[in-house]
């Protein structure tokens, strides 16, 4: 499970435009969409009711009413459109949630000098639209703040309009309490649905991770079985052929079988072919080893001791030596963290020699499990298949892998 999935508060979801549609957010994305559309429907109904009441004989001064209607209903209309289209939902809902209480602050000024009307003003119908917009736009702490701030602010500006007579105060308090309860219900429903959706996605992610682990274990077991079958069918067959060989032709065929089996065993851990047989020189081998080290995030300079008169090396041999040395480099980086890693290539008339050394803690080659192919197959068997030799010397002072191949005499 990723850190994002664990750290995120189920009630503080991402903005609708940023929600991932991948498997890890599948349920959350759809629940979020349901919440937004439901708030869009509710805002449409309450907004229509408030707009129709705003067209009735006004409680506020006509000069103020036009400005208030435009300032409130234009952002509301944009928010409703965004809820249904899914475009810029958070920003437009946040705009309305901020504009509405600011507009309410002007209510005492807009109604100054007008006779007090006991009927609820049209802004009362939009209180819970503003708190619902906060559910879409803000995180849980601000949602709670808006659920309390908007109704209480309405109560303050309403009392400033109608006065503090006992009957008026009771009506205003009831209106505020009603708005507080409805805002709390909306917040609780949103938190509950988002929590359930986050739990479902987390459970699905855990199931996928478990399935991936089981698939990896199954693949490893199949690879082990395949290597065992290869050992049995190829290597054993080559050994039997060598034991039964009585003529030069039979011995030659047995050697060919053994080399083919060793090559297949060496390449069992990666899909690496033998490559072309075009001859290469020692400089090319050194360059490829430097590239291999860079690929593992450990740039180094390969020491070169190259005799200009040295014969070229067959391409398949060079390929085997490079792959084996690259595996030795990878082992040094992985297990010795690249401590004191050095690579040297020597090419002369006798042959080519590659030395990979490090100053890590070393290891016991005899203690390596049989199913690990990093040294036995990828290094020793691969070089042997190319008619070369590989030695691994390891102690507490470090590890040295030496690969040697000699030109045919």
Protein backbone atom coordinates (compact mmCIF):
# COMPACT_ATOMS: atom_id res chain seq x y z
CA UNK A 1 0.00 0.00 0.00
CA UNK A 2 1.39 3.39 -0.91
CA UNK A 3 1.99 6.14 1.56
CA UNK A 4 -0.66 8.35 -0.06
CA UNK A 5 -3.31 5.75 0.44
CA UNK A 6 -2.46 5.31 4.11
CA UNK A 7 -1.92 8.96 5.04
CA UNK A 8 -4.93 10.48 3.35
CA UNK A 9 -7.92 11.26 5.55
CA UNK A 10 -10.96 9.53 4.07
CA UNK A 11 -12.97 12.71 4.60
CA UNK A 12 -10.33 14.98 3.05
CA UNK A 13 -10.36 13.64 -0.46
CA UNK A 14 -8.56 15.19 -3.40
CA UNK A 15 -10.32 17.68 -5.66
CA UNK A 16 -12.62 16.06 -8.17
CA UNK A 17 -10.42 17.11 -11.09
CA UNK A 18 -7.38 15.51 -9.47
CA UNK A 19 -8.88 12.19 -8.40
CA UNK A 20 -7.07 9.24 -9.94
CA UNK A 21 -9.26 6.94 -11.96
CA UNK A 22 -6.92 4.00 -11.36
CA UNK A 23 -7.77 0.90 -9.41
CA UNK A 24 -6.43 2.34 -6.14
CA UNK A 25 -9.01 5.20 -6.30
CA UNK A 26 -11.81 3.44 -8.15
CA UNK A 27 -14.49 3.57 -5.43
CA UNK A 28 -13.43 6.94 -4.03
CA UNK A 29 -13.70 8.59 -7.44
CA UNK A 30 -17.21 7.30 -7.97
CA UNK A 31 -18.43 8.10 -4.47
CA UNK A 32 -17.00 11.59 -4.83
CA UNK A 33 -18.89 12.00 -8.09
CA UNK A 34 -22.12 10.86 -6.42
CA UNK A 35 -21.64 13.35 -3.56
CA UNK A 36 -20.98 16.22 -5.97
CA UNK A 37 -23.98 15.44 -8.15
CA UNK A 38 -26.26 15.09 -5.10
CA UNK A 39 -25.07 18.47 -3.80
CA UNK A 40 -25.67 19.88 -7.28
CA UNK A 41 -29.31 18.71 -7.21
CA UNK A 42 -29.86 20.03 -3.68
CA UNK A 43 -28.24 23.36 -4.51
CA UNK A 44 -30.46 23.67 -7.58
CA UNK A 45 -33.65 23.18 -5.54
CA UNK A 46 -32.66 25.48 -2.69
CA UNK A 47 -31.16 28.03 -5.08
CA UNK A 48 -34.39 28.13 -7.12
CA UNK A 49 -36.43 28.60 -3.95
CA UNK A 50 -34.13 31.37 -2.76
CA UNK A 51 -34.18 33.09 -6.15
CA UNK A 52 -37.99 33.08 -6.31
CA UNK A 53 -38.14 34.58 -2.82
CA UNK A 54 -35.61 37.19 -3.86
CA UNK A 55 -38.09 38.30 -6.56
CA UNK A 56 -40.79 38.91 -3.93
CA UNK A 57 -41.15 42.31 -2.25
CA UNK A 58 -37.67 42.88 -0.88
CA UNK A 59 -36.69 43.26 2.76
CA UNK A 60 -33.51 45.04 1.72
CA UNK A 61 -33.06 48.33 -0.08
CA UNK A 62 -33.69 47.92 -3.87
CA UNK A 63 -30.34 49.52 -4.62
CA UNK A 64 -28.64 46.78 -2.61
CA UNK A 65 -30.83 43.91 -3.75
CA UNK A 66 -29.57 43.84 -7.36
CA UNK A 67 -25.95 43.72 -6.25
CA UNK A 68 -26.61 41.00 -3.67
CA UNK A 69 -28.56 38.84 -6.12
CA UNK A 70 -25.81 39.07 -8.72
CA UNK A 71 -23.03 38.51 -6.17
CA UNK A 72 -24.70 35.38 -4.75
CA UNK A 73 -26.61 33.72 -7.56
CA UNK A 74 -23.96 34.01 -10.30
CA UNK A 75 -21.37 32.00 -8.30
CA UNK A 76 -24.16 29.63 -7.26
CA UNK A 77 -25.16 29.00 -10.87
CA UNK A 78 -21.54 28.37 -11.86
CA UNK A 79 -21.14 25.94 -8.95
CA UNK A 80 -24.26 24.00 -9.96
CA UNK A 81 -23.06 23.75 -13.56
CA UNK A 82 -19.66 22.54 -12.34
CA UNK A 83 -21.30 19.89 -10.14
CA UNK A 84 -23.10 18.38 -13.11
CA UNK A 85 -20.23 18.70 -15.59
CA UNK A 86 -17.41 17.76 -13.23
CA UNK A 87 -15.26 20.71 -14.35
CA UNK A 88 -13.53 22.97 -11.78
CA UNK A 89 -15.88 21.76 -9.04
CA UNK A 90 -13.65 22.54 -6.10
CA UNK A 91 -12.66 26.04 -7.17
CA UNK A 92 -16.20 27.15 -8.06
CA UNK A 93 -17.72 25.59 -4.94
CA UNK A 94 -15.03 27.28 -2.85
CA UNK A 95 -15.81 30.59 -4.53
CA UNK A 96 -19.48 30.40 -3.58
CA UNK A 97 -18.67 29.19 -0.06
CA UNK A 98 -16.50 32.29 0.48
CA UNK A 99 -18.69 34.83 -1.36
CA UNK A 100 -21.93 33.94 0.47
CA UNK A 101 -20.83 34.83 4.05
CA UNK A 102 -19.11 37.96 2.75
CA UNK A 103 -22.37 38.99 1.08
CA UNK A 104 -24.28 38.26 4.30
CA UNK A 105 -22.11 40.74 6.16
CA UNK A 106 -23.70 43.52 4.09
CA UNK A 107 -27.22 42.44 5.06
CA UNK A 108 -27.58 44.83 8.03
CA UNK A 109 -26.49 47.70 5.79
CA UNK A 110 -28.82 46.63 2.95
CA UNK A 111 -31.82 46.42 5.32
CA UNK A 112 -31.07 49.55 7.34
CA UNK A 113 -34.08 51.84 7.56
CA UNK A 114 -36.46 49.19 6.17
CA UNK A 115 -39.38 47.83 8.22
CA UNK A 116 -38.54 44.52 9.88
CA UNK A 117 -40.23 41.54 8.21
CA UNK A 118 -40.77 38.44 10.42
CA UNK A 119 -40.66 36.13 7.40
CA UNK A 120 -37.31 34.48 6.63
CA UNK A 121 -35.32 36.45 4.06
CA UNK A 122 -34.25 34.79 0.83
CA UNK A 123 -30.66 34.38 2.02
CA UNK A 124 -31.91 31.92 4.65
CA UNK A 125 -32.69 29.35 1.95
CA UNK A 126 -29.05 29.38 0.85
CA UNK A 127 -27.40 28.76 4.21
CA UNK A 128 -27.04 25.02 3.69
CA UNK A 129 -26.05 25.53 0.07
CA UNK A 130 -23.00 27.39 1.37
CA UNK A 131 -22.21 24.67 3.94
CA UNK A 132 -22.66 21.98 1.25
CA UNK A 133 -20.30 23.89 -1.03
CA UNK A 134 -17.75 23.75 1.78
CA UNK A 135 -18.12 19.94 1.86
CA UNK A 136 -17.13 19.86 -1.80
CA UNK A 137 -14.36 22.47 -1.64
CA UNK A 138 -12.71 22.20 1.77
CA UNK A 139 -11.15 19.65 4.08
CA UNK A 140 -12.88 18.43 7.25
CA UNK A 141 -11.66 21.21 9.61
CA UNK A 142 -12.92 23.98 7.32
CA UNK A 143 -16.13 22.08 6.66
CA UNK A 144 -16.88 22.16 10.40
CA UNK A 145 -15.92 25.84 10.59
CA UNK A 146 -18.29 26.71 7.74
CA UNK A 147 -21.09 24.56 9.23
CA UNK A 148 -20.95 26.72 12.36
CA UNK A 149 -19.87 30.06 10.89
CA UNK A 150 -22.54 30.46 8.21
CA UNK A 151 -25.64 29.78 10.40
CA UNK A 152 -24.25 31.82 13.32
CA UNK A 153 -23.39 34.70 11.00
CA UNK A 154 -26.95 34.59 9.65
CA UNK A 155 -28.28 34.76 13.19
CA UNK A 156 -26.16 37.82 13.94
CA UNK A 157 -27.13 39.76 10.81
CA UNK A 158 -30.79 38.72 11.16
CA UNK A 159 -31.01 39.95 14.73
CA UNK A 160 -29.34 43.16 13.61
CA UNK A 161 -32.24 43.51 11.14
CA UNK A 162 -35.28 42.51 13.23
CA UNK A 163 -34.05 43.58 16.65
CA UNK A 164 -33.87 41.73 19.95
CA UNK A 165 -37.56 41.34 20.74
CA UNK A 166 -38.23 38.00 22.47
CA UNK A 167 -40.35 36.53 19.70
CA UNK A 168 -37.93 37.56 16.96
CA UNK A 169 -34.90 36.14 18.76
CA UNK A 170 -36.62 32.77 19.26
CA UNK A 171 -37.47 32.52 15.56
CA UNK A 172 -33.93 33.44 14.54
CA UNK A 173 -32.42 30.93 16.98
CA UNK A 174 -34.66 28.18 15.61
CA UNK A 175 -33.58 29.04 12.08
CA UNK A 176 -29.92 28.91 13.12
CA UNK A 177 -30.32 25.58 14.93
CA UNK A 178 -32.12 24.09 11.93
CA UNK A 179 -29.30 25.18 9.62
CA UNK A 180 -26.67 23.82 12.04
CA UNK A 181 -28.36 20.41 12.21
CA UNK A 182 -28.72 20.11 8.44
CA UNK A 183 -25.10 21.19 7.92
CA UNK A 184 -23.95 18.56 10.41
CA UNK A 185 -25.94 15.87 8.63
CA UNK A 186 -24.41 16.79 5.25
CA UNK A 187 -20.87 16.73 6.66
CA UNK A 188 -21.45 13.42 8.46
CA UNK A 189 -22.87 11.76 5.35
CA UNK A 190 -19.98 12.99 3.22
CA UNK A 191 -17.39 11.78 5.76
CA UNK A 192 -19.09 8.41 6.13
CA UNK A 193 -19.35 7.74 2.39
CA UNK A 194 -15.75 8.80 1.77
CA UNK A 195 -14.52 6.66 4.66
CA UNK A 196 -16.30 3.59 3.34
CA UNK A 197 -14.97 4.24 -0.18
CA UNK A 198 -11.40 4.65 1.10
CA UNK A 199 -11.72 1.41 3.07
CA UNK A 200 -12.96 -0.46 0.01
CA UNK A 201 -10.10 0.85 -2.12
CA UNK A 202 -7.56 0.00 0.58
CA UNK A 203 -8.93 -3.53 0.83
CA UNK A 204 -8.84 -3.89 -2.93
CA UNK A 205 -5.25 -2.63 -2.98
CA UNK A 206 -4.25 -5.15 -0.32
CA UNK A 207 -5.88 -7.93 -2.31
CA UNK A 208 -4.05 -6.88 -5.47
CA UNK A 209 -0.75 -6.72 -3.57
CA UNK A 210 -1.35 -10.19 -2.13
CA UNK A 211 -2.18 -11.53 -5.56
CA UNK A 212 0.99 -9.96 -7.00
CA UNK A 213 3.08 -11.54 -4.24
CA UNK A 214 1.48 -14.92 -4.87
CA UNK A 215 2.05 -14.54 -8.61
CA UNK A 216 5.71 -13.65 -8.00
CA UNK A 217 6.14 -16.69 -5.75
CA UNK A 218 4.49 -18.88 -8.37
CA UNK A 219 6.77 -17.47 -11.08
CA UNK A 220 9.83 -18.12 -8.93
CA UNK A 221 8.71 -21.69 -8.33
CA UNK A 222 8.12 -22.22 -12.03
CA UNK A 223 11.58 -20.83 -12.77
CA UNK A 224 13.09 -23.18 -10.21
CA UNK A 225 11.28 -26.12 -11.79
CA UNK A 226 12.40 -25.00 -15.25
CA UNK A 227 16.03 -24.76 -14.13
CA UNK A 228 15.78 -28.17 -12.50
CA UNK A 229 14.33 -29.62 -15.70
CA UNK A 230 17.10 -27.95 -17.69
CA UNK A 231 19.73 -29.44 -15.43
CA UNK A 232 18.15 -32.85 -15.73
CA UNK A 233 17.44 -32.85 -19.46
CA UNK A 234 20.38 -30.92 -20.88
CA UNK A 235 23.32 -31.11 -18.52
CA UNK A 236 22.70 -34.69 -17.49
CA UNK A 237 22.23 -35.72 -21.12
CA UNK A 238 25.54 -34.08 -22.00
CA UNK A 239 27.31 -35.88 -19.16
CA UNK A 240 25.87 -39.24 -20.22
CA UNK A 241 26.92 -38.59 -23.81
CA UNK A 242 30.43 -37.72 -22.66
CA UNK A 243 30.63 -40.88 -20.55
CA UNK A 244 29.54 -43.10 -23.43
CA UNK A 245 31.67 -41.40 -26.11
CA UNK A 246 34.21 -43.80 -27.63
CA UNK A 247 35.15 -42.07 -30.87
CA UNK A 248 36.46 -38.59 -31.68
CA UNK A 249 33.17 -37.65 -33.35
CA UNK A 250 31.17 -38.74 -30.33
CA UNK A 251 33.47 -36.78 -28.03
CA UNK A 252 33.10 -33.68 -30.22
CA UNK A 253 29.30 -33.98 -30.13
CA UNK A 254 29.40 -34.45 -26.35
CA UNK A 255 31.45 -31.25 -25.97
CA UNK A 256 28.98 -29.37 -28.17
CA UNK A 257 26.07 -30.66 -26.09
CA UNK A 258 27.83 -29.62 -22.88
CA UNK A 259 28.52 -26.11 -24.17
CA UNK A 260 24.94 -25.66 -25.35
CA UNK A 261 23.60 -26.86 -21.99
CA UNK A 262 25.89 -24.52 -20.06
CA UNK A 263 24.90 -21.60 -22.24
CA UNK A 264 21.20 -22.28 -21.71
CA UNK A 265 21.76 -22.64 -17.97
CA UNK A 266 23.75 -19.39 -17.85
CA UNK A 267 20.98 -17.51 -19.65
CA UNK A 268 18.19 -18.96 -17.55
CA UNK A 269 18.04 -15.84 -15.35
CA UNK A 270 17.72 -13.37 -18.24
CA UNK A 271 16.85 -13.37 -21.90
CA UNK A 272 20.35 -12.82 -23.27
CA UNK A 273 21.26 -14.43 -26.54
CA UNK A 274 24.75 -15.31 -27.66
CA UNK A 275 24.85 -12.44 -30.13
CA UNK A 276 26.84 -12.21 -33.35
CA UNK A 277 30.27 -13.76 -33.71
CA UNK A 278 31.87 -10.62 -35.16
CA UNK A 279 35.30 -10.19 -33.50
CA UNK A 280 35.82 -7.35 -31.03
CA UNK A 281 38.84 -6.00 -29.17
CA UNK A 282 39.54 -5.46 -25.49
CA UNK A 283 38.66 -1.77 -25.67
CA UNK A 284 35.11 -2.67 -26.70
CA UNK A 285 34.79 -5.02 -23.71
CA UNK A 286 36.02 -2.31 -21.33
CA UNK A 287 33.57 0.23 -22.77
CA UNK A 288 30.63 -2.16 -22.34
CA UNK A 289 31.61 -2.83 -18.73
CA UNK A 290 31.71 0.90 -18.01
CA UNK A 291 28.23 1.20 -19.54
CA UNK A 292 27.01 -1.71 -17.39
CA UNK A 293 28.32 0.00 -14.25
CA UNK A 294 26.58 3.25 -15.21
CA UNK A 295 23.32 1.35 -15.72
CA UNK A 296 23.59 0.18 -12.12
CA UNK A 297 24.12 3.75 -10.89
CA UNK A 298 27.82 3.31 -10.11
CA UNK A 299 29.96 5.02 -12.77
CA UNK A 300 33.58 3.85 -12.87
CA UNK A 301 36.59 3.80 -15.16
CA UNK A 302 37.76 0.37 -16.28
CA UNK A 303 41.52 -0.07 -16.08
CA UNK A 304 42.88 -1.16 -19.47
CA UNK A 305 46.02 -3.12 -20.25
CA UNK A 306 45.62 -3.79 -23.96
CA UNK A 307 48.29 -5.12 -26.29
CA UNK A 308 47.80 -3.51 -29.74
CA UNK A 309 48.98 -6.72 -31.39
CA UNK A 310 46.51 -8.89 -29.49
CA UNK A 311 44.20 -10.94 -31.76
CA UNK A 312 40.51 -10.01 -31.86
CA UNK A 313 38.11 -11.85 -29.57
CA UNK A 314 35.12 -13.75 -31.05
CA UNK A 315 31.89 -11.88 -30.54
CA UNK A 316 30.13 -14.69 -28.72
CA UNK A 317 33.06 -15.07 -26.32
CA UNK A 318 33.21 -11.34 -25.67
CA UNK A 319 29.47 -11.28 -25.08
CA UNK A 320 29.71 -14.08 -22.52
CA UNK A 321 32.61 -12.38 -20.73
CA UNK A 322 30.82 -9.02 -20.63
CA UNK A 323 27.62 -10.57 -19.26
CA UNK A 324 29.52 -12.51 -16.63
CA UNK A 325 31.56 -9.47 -15.59
CA UNK A 326 28.42 -7.30 -15.54
CA UNK A 327 26.83 -9.81 -13.17
CA UNK A 328 29.91 -9.62 -10.95
CA UNK A 329 29.65 -5.82 -10.96
CA UNK A 330 25.95 -6.01 -10.06
CA UNK A 331 26.75 -8.40 -7.21
CA UNK A 332 29.42 -6.05 -5.86
CA UNK A 333 27.04 -3.07 -5.98
CA UNK A 334 24.14 -4.99 -4.44
CA UNK A 335 25.93 -6.92 -1.71
CA UNK A 336 29.05 -4.80 -1.05
CA UNK A 337 27.38 -1.45 -1.86
CA UNK A 338 30.13 -0.85 -4.44
CA UNK A 339 32.81 -0.45 -1.77
CA UNK A 340 36.23 -0.29 -3.45
CA UNK A 341 34.80 -1.55 -6.73
CA UNK A 342 37.44 -1.85 -9.44
CA UNK A 343 37.34 -3.43 -12.89
CA UNK A 344 40.38 -4.21 -15.02
CA UNK A 345 40.60 -5.66 -18.54
CA UNK A 346 43.78 -7.22 -19.90
CA UNK A 347 44.09 -8.35 -23.52
CA UNK A 348 47.25 -9.78 -25.07
CA UNK A 349 48.35 -12.48 -27.48
CA UNK A 350 47.44 -15.18 -24.96
CA UNK A 351 43.85 -14.12 -24.39
CA UNK A 352 41.71 -11.77 -22.35
CA UNK A 353 41.33 -11.46 -18.59
CA UNK A 354 38.77 -9.46 -16.64
CA UNK A 355 39.12 -8.76 -12.94
CA UNK A 356 36.23 -7.40 -10.83
CA UNK A 357 37.12 -6.65 -7.21
CA UNK A 358 35.56 -4.96 -4.20
CA UNK A 359 36.41 -4.38 -0.54
CA UNK A 360 33.09 -5.53 0.86
CA UNK A 361 32.58 -7.99 3.72
CA UNK A 362 32.93 -11.01 1.44
CA UNK A 363 30.91 -14.23 1.53
CA UNK A 364 31.24 -18.01 1.50
CA UNK A 365 30.69 -19.25 -2.08
CA UNK A 366 29.90 -22.75 -0.78
CA UNK A 367 26.98 -21.36 1.28
CA UNK A 368 25.10 -19.99 -1.72
CA UNK A 369 21.70 -21.76 -2.17
CA UNK A 370 21.44 -24.04 -5.17
CA UNK A 371 18.60 -22.05 -6.72
CA UNK A 372 20.61 -18.81 -6.86
CA UNK A 373 21.99 -18.31 -10.36
CA UNK A 374 23.99 -15.10 -9.87
CA UNK A 375 27.39 -16.82 -9.58
CA UNK A 376 26.95 -20.45 -10.58
CA UNK A 377 25.05 -19.80 -13.78
CA UNK A 378 25.47 -16.17 -14.75
CA UNK A 379 29.22 -16.13 -14.13
CA UNK A 380 30.84 -19.57 -13.88
CA UNK A 381 28.59 -21.50 -16.27
CA UNK A 382 28.42 -18.64 -18.77
CA UNK A 383 32.21 -18.36 -19.01
CA UNK A 384 32.60 -22.13 -19.11
CA UNK A 385 30.18 -22.26 -22.03
CA UNK A 386 32.54 -19.93 -23.90
CA UNK A 387 35.50 -22.22 -23.13
CA UNK A 388 36.82 -19.87 -20.47
CA UNK A 389 37.48 -20.03 -16.73
CA UNK A 390 35.96 -18.09 -13.86
CA UNK A 391 37.28 -17.97 -10.31
CA UNK A 392 35.69 -16.35 -7.27
CA UNK A 393 37.93 -15.52 -4.31
CA UNK A 394 36.18 -14.01 -1.29
CA UNK A 395 37.25 -13.20 2.23
CA UNK A 396 36.63 -10.60 4.90
CA UNK A 397 38.89 -8.24 2.93
CA UNK A 398 36.66 -8.36 -0.17
CA UNK A 399 35.80 -10.37 -3.23
CA UNK A 400 37.66 -10.81 -6.50
CA UNK A 401 36.07 -12.37 -9.59
CA UNK A 402 38.52 -13.26 -12.36
CA UNK A 403 37.37 -14.24 -15.84
CA UNK A 404 39.91 -15.72 -18.24
CA UNK A 405 39.69 -16.81 -21.86
CA UNK A 406 42.60 -17.90 -24.01
CA UNK A 407 42.90 -17.89 -27.78
CA UNK A 408 42.88 -21.38 -29.32
CA UNK A 409 46.39 -22.67 -29.95
